Protein backbone atom coordinates (compact mmCIF):
# COMPACT_ATOMS: atom_id res chain seq x y z
CA MET A 1 23.74 -33.30 32.78
CA PRO A 2 24.82 -30.76 30.10
CA HIS A 3 22.16 -28.83 28.35
CA SER A 4 21.54 -29.44 24.76
CA GLN A 5 20.86 -27.04 22.23
CA PRO A 6 17.39 -26.85 20.56
CA SER A 7 17.16 -29.07 17.41
CA TRP A 8 15.87 -28.56 13.93
CA ALA A 9 13.13 -31.01 14.77
CA GLU A 10 12.10 -28.95 17.66
CA PHE A 11 12.11 -25.78 15.49
CA VAL A 12 9.75 -27.43 12.95
CA ALA A 13 7.47 -28.82 15.52
CA GLY A 14 7.18 -25.42 17.07
CA TRP A 15 6.53 -23.85 13.72
CA GLU A 16 3.80 -26.38 13.02
CA LEU A 17 2.04 -25.69 16.40
CA GLY A 18 2.34 -21.80 15.39
CA ILE A 19 4.25 -20.96 18.56
CA TYR A 20 6.52 -18.39 17.08
CA ARG A 21 5.35 -18.07 13.51
CA ASP A 22 3.90 -14.54 14.08
CA ALA A 23 7.02 -13.57 15.56
CA ILE A 24 9.23 -14.68 12.61
CA TYR A 25 6.83 -13.10 10.16
CA SER A 26 6.74 -9.84 12.16
CA GLY A 27 10.69 -9.77 12.27
CA ALA A 28 10.89 -10.43 8.63
CA LEU A 29 8.27 -7.81 7.78
CA ALA A 30 9.49 -5.10 10.02
CA GLY A 31 13.08 -5.61 8.75
CA LEU A 32 11.93 -5.35 5.12
CA VAL A 33 9.80 -2.33 5.65
CA LEU A 34 12.07 -0.58 8.11
CA GLY A 35 15.12 -1.39 5.82
CA TYR A 36 13.58 0.29 2.78
CA LEU A 37 12.42 3.35 4.92
CA GLY A 38 15.79 3.47 6.60
CA VAL A 39 17.47 4.62 3.36
CA TYR A 40 15.56 7.88 3.44
CA VAL A 41 16.28 8.25 7.21
CA VAL A 42 20.10 7.67 6.39
CA LEU A 43 20.18 10.02 3.53
CA ARG A 44 18.63 12.69 5.72
CA ARG A 45 21.45 12.17 8.15
CA MET A 46 18.88 11.83 11.01
CA VAL A 47 19.44 8.20 11.72
CA PHE A 48 18.91 8.65 15.60
CA ILE A 49 15.16 9.94 14.80
CA THR A 50 14.35 6.26 14.74
CA ALA A 51 15.86 5.83 18.30
CA ALA A 52 13.88 8.85 19.66
CA VAL A 53 10.65 7.62 18.08
CA SER A 54 11.10 4.06 19.29
CA GLN A 55 11.81 5.38 22.74
CA ALA A 56 8.59 7.49 22.57
CA ALA A 57 6.64 4.46 21.52
CA GLY A 58 8.11 2.31 24.41
CA PHE A 59 7.02 5.29 26.73
CA GLY A 60 3.60 5.13 25.32
CA VAL A 61 3.35 1.50 26.06
CA ALA A 62 4.76 2.02 29.69
CA LEU A 63 2.19 4.77 30.23
CA ALA A 64 -0.71 2.66 29.02
CA PHE A 65 0.21 0.09 31.61
CA LEU A 66 0.63 2.83 34.35
CA ILE A 67 -2.89 4.21 33.62
CA GLN A 68 -4.37 0.84 33.70
CA ILE A 69 -2.87 -0.20 36.89
CA HIS A 70 -3.25 3.08 38.90
CA LEU A 71 -6.32 4.64 37.36
CA SER A 72 -8.26 1.56 36.12
CA LEU A 73 -8.67 2.85 32.55
CA THR A 74 -7.80 0.35 29.71
CA LEU A 75 -6.00 2.26 27.11
CA PRO A 76 -4.80 0.10 24.01
CA PRO A 77 -0.76 0.37 24.52
CA VAL A 78 -0.36 0.52 20.70
CA MET A 79 -2.56 3.79 20.56
CA LEU A 80 -0.48 5.55 23.02
CA ALA A 81 2.68 4.27 21.26
CA ILE A 82 1.44 5.67 17.92
CA THR A 83 0.29 8.93 19.42
CA LEU A 84 3.70 9.85 21.12
CA SER A 85 5.64 8.48 18.13
CA LEU A 86 3.70 10.67 15.70
CA ALA A 87 4.06 13.64 18.00
CA THR A 88 7.80 13.08 18.19
CA ALA A 89 8.22 12.73 14.50
CA GLY A 90 5.96 15.71 13.86
CA LEU A 91 8.60 17.98 15.83
CA PHE A 92 11.14 17.40 12.97
CA ALA A 93 8.79 18.59 10.21
CA LEU A 94 8.57 22.07 11.98
CA PRO A 95 10.42 25.18 10.54
CA LEU A 96 13.30 24.62 13.00
CA GLU A 97 15.48 27.08 10.85
CA ARG A 98 13.60 29.90 12.67
CA LEU A 99 14.79 28.60 16.14
CA LEU A 100 18.26 28.69 17.74
CA ILE A 101 18.17 24.91 17.94
CA SER A 102 19.29 22.31 15.51
CA ARG A 103 17.34 19.17 14.47
CA GLU A 104 20.05 17.11 16.13
CA SER A 105 19.66 18.98 19.46
CA LEU A 106 15.88 18.52 19.51
CA LEU A 107 16.34 14.96 18.61
CA GLY A 108 18.62 14.27 21.67
CA VAL A 109 16.18 16.21 23.97
CA ALA A 110 13.30 13.95 22.73
CA TYR A 111 15.49 10.84 23.05
CA LEU A 112 16.61 11.66 26.60
CA LEU A 113 13.01 12.75 27.83
CA THR A 114 11.13 9.72 26.38
CA SER A 115 13.97 7.18 27.68
CA ALA A 116 13.79 8.79 31.27
CA GLY A 117 10.12 8.67 31.13
CA SER A 118 10.11 4.90 30.13
CA VAL A 119 12.42 4.25 33.00
CA MET A 120 10.57 6.23 35.67
CA VAL A 121 7.28 4.80 34.64
CA GLY A 122 8.72 1.33 34.41
CA ASP A 123 9.69 1.52 38.13
CA ARG A 124 6.02 2.14 39.09
CA ILE A 125 4.59 -0.97 37.30
CA SER A 126 6.34 -4.02 38.83
CA GLN A 127 3.75 -6.41 37.81
CA GLU A 128 4.25 -5.40 34.15
CA ALA A 129 8.17 -5.12 34.38
CA HIS A 130 8.69 -7.91 32.09
CA ASP A 131 6.48 -6.40 29.27
CA ILE A 132 8.37 -2.94 29.66
CA SER A 133 11.57 -4.73 29.45
CA ALA A 134 10.66 -6.57 26.32
CA ILE A 135 9.36 -3.36 24.62
CA LEU A 136 12.66 -1.51 25.51
CA PHE A 137 15.18 -4.14 24.93
CA GLY A 138 13.82 -6.42 22.25
CA SER A 139 13.12 -9.84 23.75
CA ALA A 140 10.30 -10.44 21.31
CA VAL A 141 10.23 -14.36 21.60
CA LEU A 142 6.20 -14.30 20.98
CA VAL A 143 4.20 -11.83 19.01
CA ARG A 144 0.67 -11.59 18.97
CA THR A 145 -1.33 -12.04 15.62
CA GLN A 146 -3.00 -8.48 16.12
CA ASP A 147 0.52 -7.02 16.38
CA LEU A 148 1.47 -8.66 13.21
CA GLN A 149 -1.74 -7.81 11.44
CA ALA A 150 -1.35 -4.02 12.41
CA LEU A 151 2.29 -4.18 11.29
CA ALA A 152 1.30 -5.48 8.01
CA ALA A 153 -1.25 -2.74 7.50
CA VAL A 154 0.87 0.27 8.38
CA GLY A 155 3.94 -1.38 6.75
CA SER A 156 2.18 -1.77 3.37
CA SER A 157 0.81 1.63 3.51
CA ALA A 158 4.19 3.20 4.11
CA LEU A 159 5.91 1.16 1.59
CA LEU A 160 3.22 2.18 -1.10
CA PHE A 161 3.61 5.82 -0.40
CA HIS A 162 7.40 5.82 -0.51
CA VAL A 163 7.34 3.69 -3.90
CA VAL A 164 4.93 6.08 -5.57
CA VAL A 165 6.80 9.28 -4.58
CA HIS A 166 10.42 8.16 -4.25
CA ARG A 167 11.70 10.24 -7.08
CA GLY A 168 10.13 13.34 -5.75
CA LEU A 169 11.25 12.61 -2.14
CA LEU A 170 14.91 11.87 -3.18
CA PHE A 171 14.93 15.17 -5.19
CA ALA A 172 13.38 17.07 -2.02
CA ILE A 173 16.26 15.35 0.25
CA PHE A 174 19.27 16.09 -1.92
CA ASP A 175 18.26 19.51 -3.28
CA PRO A 176 15.19 21.13 -1.53
CA GLN A 177 15.56 24.58 -2.90
CA SER A 178 15.43 23.13 -6.42
CA ALA A 179 12.52 20.91 -5.64
CA ARG A 180 10.56 24.09 -4.33
CA VAL A 181 11.46 25.90 -7.59
CA GLN A 182 10.07 22.78 -9.50
CA GLY A 183 6.78 23.07 -7.52
CA LEU A 184 7.20 20.04 -5.26
CA PRO A 185 5.61 20.22 -1.71
CA VAL A 186 8.78 19.72 0.16
CA ARG A 187 7.49 20.28 3.53
CA LEU A 188 4.43 18.06 2.69
CA LEU A 189 6.75 15.17 1.46
CA ASP A 190 8.93 15.43 4.37
CA LEU A 191 6.24 15.46 7.01
CA SER A 192 4.18 12.52 5.35
CA SER A 193 7.37 10.51 5.13
CA PHE A 194 8.32 11.15 8.77
CA LEU A 195 4.88 10.49 10.03
CA LEU A 196 4.61 7.22 8.13
CA THR A 197 8.08 6.14 9.28
CA ALA A 198 7.11 6.75 12.90
CA LEU A 199 3.85 4.98 12.53
CA VAL A 200 5.71 1.82 11.34
CA VAL A 201 8.31 2.30 14.13
CA SER A 202 5.67 2.53 16.91
CA VAL A 203 3.97 -0.56 15.85
CA ALA A 204 6.95 -2.57 15.30
CA THR A 205 8.31 -1.37 18.50
CA ARG A 206 5.18 -2.77 20.25
CA ALA A 207 5.80 -6.21 18.57
CA LEU A 208 9.53 -6.52 18.67
CA GLY A 209 11.19 -3.80 20.97
CA VAL A 210 13.36 -0.76 20.59
CA LEU A 211 16.58 -2.32 19.85
CA PRO A 212 15.82 -4.45 16.65
CA VAL A 213 13.55 -1.67 15.36
CA PHE A 214 16.34 0.95 15.62
CA ALA A 215 18.74 -1.62 14.01
CA PHE A 216 16.46 -2.51 11.10
CA ALA A 217 15.97 1.39 10.39
CA VAL A 218 19.75 2.08 10.16
CA LEU A 219 22.04 -0.69 9.48
CA PRO A 220 20.31 -2.23 6.25
CA GLY A 221 20.12 1.54 4.81
CA VAL A 222 23.66 2.14 5.52
CA THR A 223 24.92 -1.04 3.98
CA GLY A 224 22.81 -0.65 0.98
CA LEU A 225 24.28 2.97 0.22
CA LEU A 226 27.68 1.41 0.53
CA LEU A 227 27.17 -1.55 -1.74
CA ALA A 228 25.18 0.26 -4.67
CA GLY A 229 25.09 3.59 -6.25
CA ARG A 230 21.56 3.60 -7.92
CA ALA A 231 18.59 4.32 -5.70
CA PRO A 232 16.54 1.37 -6.77
CA SER A 233 19.44 -1.03 -6.03
CA VAL A 234 20.19 0.57 -2.71
CA LEU A 235 16.50 0.14 -1.57
CA ALA A 236 16.19 -3.22 -2.90
CA ILE A 237 19.32 -4.17 -0.94
CA ALA A 238 18.35 -2.48 2.24
CA ALA A 239 14.96 -4.21 2.11
CA ALA A 240 16.46 -7.61 1.54
CA ILE A 241 18.98 -7.35 4.36
CA GLY A 242 16.24 -6.09 6.82
CA ALA A 243 13.99 -8.96 5.97
CA LEU A 244 16.82 -11.60 6.32
CA SER A 245 17.95 -10.00 9.58
CA GLY A 246 14.58 -10.25 11.06
CA LEU A 247 14.38 -13.98 9.97
CA GLY A 248 17.88 -14.99 10.65
CA GLY A 249 18.19 -13.25 13.91
CA TYR A 250 15.17 -15.21 15.19
CA MET A 251 16.78 -18.50 14.15
CA LEU A 252 20.09 -17.58 15.65
CA ALA A 253 18.22 -16.84 18.87
CA PHE A 254 16.15 -20.07 18.81
CA PHE A 255 19.21 -22.53 18.16
CA TYR A 256 21.76 -20.65 20.41
CA GLU A 257 19.34 -19.38 23.14
CA PHE A 258 20.30 -15.73 22.85
CA PRO A 259 17.81 -12.63 23.07
CA VAL A 260 15.96 -12.30 19.76
CA GLY A 261 16.31 -8.51 19.48
CA ALA A 262 20.12 -8.69 20.13
CA CYS A 263 20.47 -11.47 17.63
CA GLN A 264 18.43 -9.72 14.91
CA THR A 265 20.70 -6.54 15.52
CA VAL A 266 23.91 -8.49 15.02
CA VAL A 267 22.51 -10.27 11.96
CA ALA A 268 21.64 -6.82 10.58
CA ALA A 269 25.17 -5.53 11.42
CA ALA A 270 27.02 -8.50 9.64
CA PRO A 271 26.64 -7.49 6.01
CA LEU A 272 27.72 -3.72 7.16
CA VAL A 273 31.06 -5.21 8.33
CA ILE A 274 31.60 -6.77 4.83
CA ALA A 275 30.21 -3.76 3.05
CA LEU A 276 32.67 -1.32 4.68
CA PRO A 277 35.81 -2.81 3.29
CA TRP A 278 34.33 -3.61 0.09
CA HIS A 279 33.36 0.06 -0.41
CA PHE A 280 36.88 1.19 0.49
CA VAL A 281 38.48 -1.10 -1.91
CA ARG A 282 36.09 -0.17 -4.63
CA GLN A 283 36.64 3.47 -4.08
CA ARG A 284 40.46 3.05 -4.06
CA LEU A 285 40.31 1.10 -7.30
CA ARG A 286 38.16 3.84 -9.03
CA GLU A 287 40.56 6.35 -7.81
CA LEU A 288 43.49 4.42 -9.29
CA HIS A 289 41.78 3.98 -12.69
CA SER A 290 40.18 7.15 -13.12
CA PRO A 291 41.68 9.67 -15.68
CA PRO A 292 43.34 12.73 -14.25
CA HIS A 293 41.21 15.74 -13.57
CA PRO A 294 41.28 18.33 -16.50
CA SER A 295 42.47 20.95 -14.06
CA ALA A 296 45.38 19.06 -12.88
CA PRO A 297 48.73 20.08 -13.84
CA PRO A 298 50.49 18.16 -16.74
CA SER A 299 52.71 15.29 -15.70
CA ALA A 300 56.68 15.42 -15.94
CA ASN A 301 56.34 13.65 -19.35
CA GLY A 302 54.41 16.23 -20.95
């Protein structure tokens, strides 16, 4: 007998029972917050910082399970995830210009070490293997209420900070030297933004997994920058795409029975597929209709 796909009535019934309500809320909230914060990550040209921080969070969760199983010590997984995520993010606020290593190289080292650590620790905790797999690959079918509450708390704090200081933060990103001359605390702004982003990433990773968190922090921001030119519009577009990706990805996963994290990633990538040719065509039209540069040589007609 062929397997039938879930129906809308089944979805509504599950929603009314609260089976996946927290998961959908968490996906939409994480998408909104990380989509907004991801604009700053993309502008810094450090998109893989989210991957490194997500892997650090996953490693923290795996380490908490390992300690509980082999040392009989109960440590909240989210606390270890936050600790390692903040430590990883803090590395990128150090004065690395004094070292012979770039931020990108340090980012690669952090990503590789935490990824290897997650795999090695996961190999030693067979009874929790399904939990580790969910953290790393994003099969967040169900989310605990406390995870949603934690995400709401840290997400609202990070959003409030970035909304209040967004002008100074953008100034510091685009022209740090002039920002310092104007008296802006560039290093403090960078450190605060990194740590708050890492905090959101660590909590969201515990709830949703590494894959959708990385997608939310990169894809909506890139799409927003391609579709709009002004900062408020870019931030609004990125936040909206992120929220819709969290919601739409879960719906796609429910009705077509795919992994949730992968569906959320695909839905987040769909607007980017449309934005790329749109941006190219718009740039081409601007070039065709823009007046010649004053320094350009005169035409043959004088």
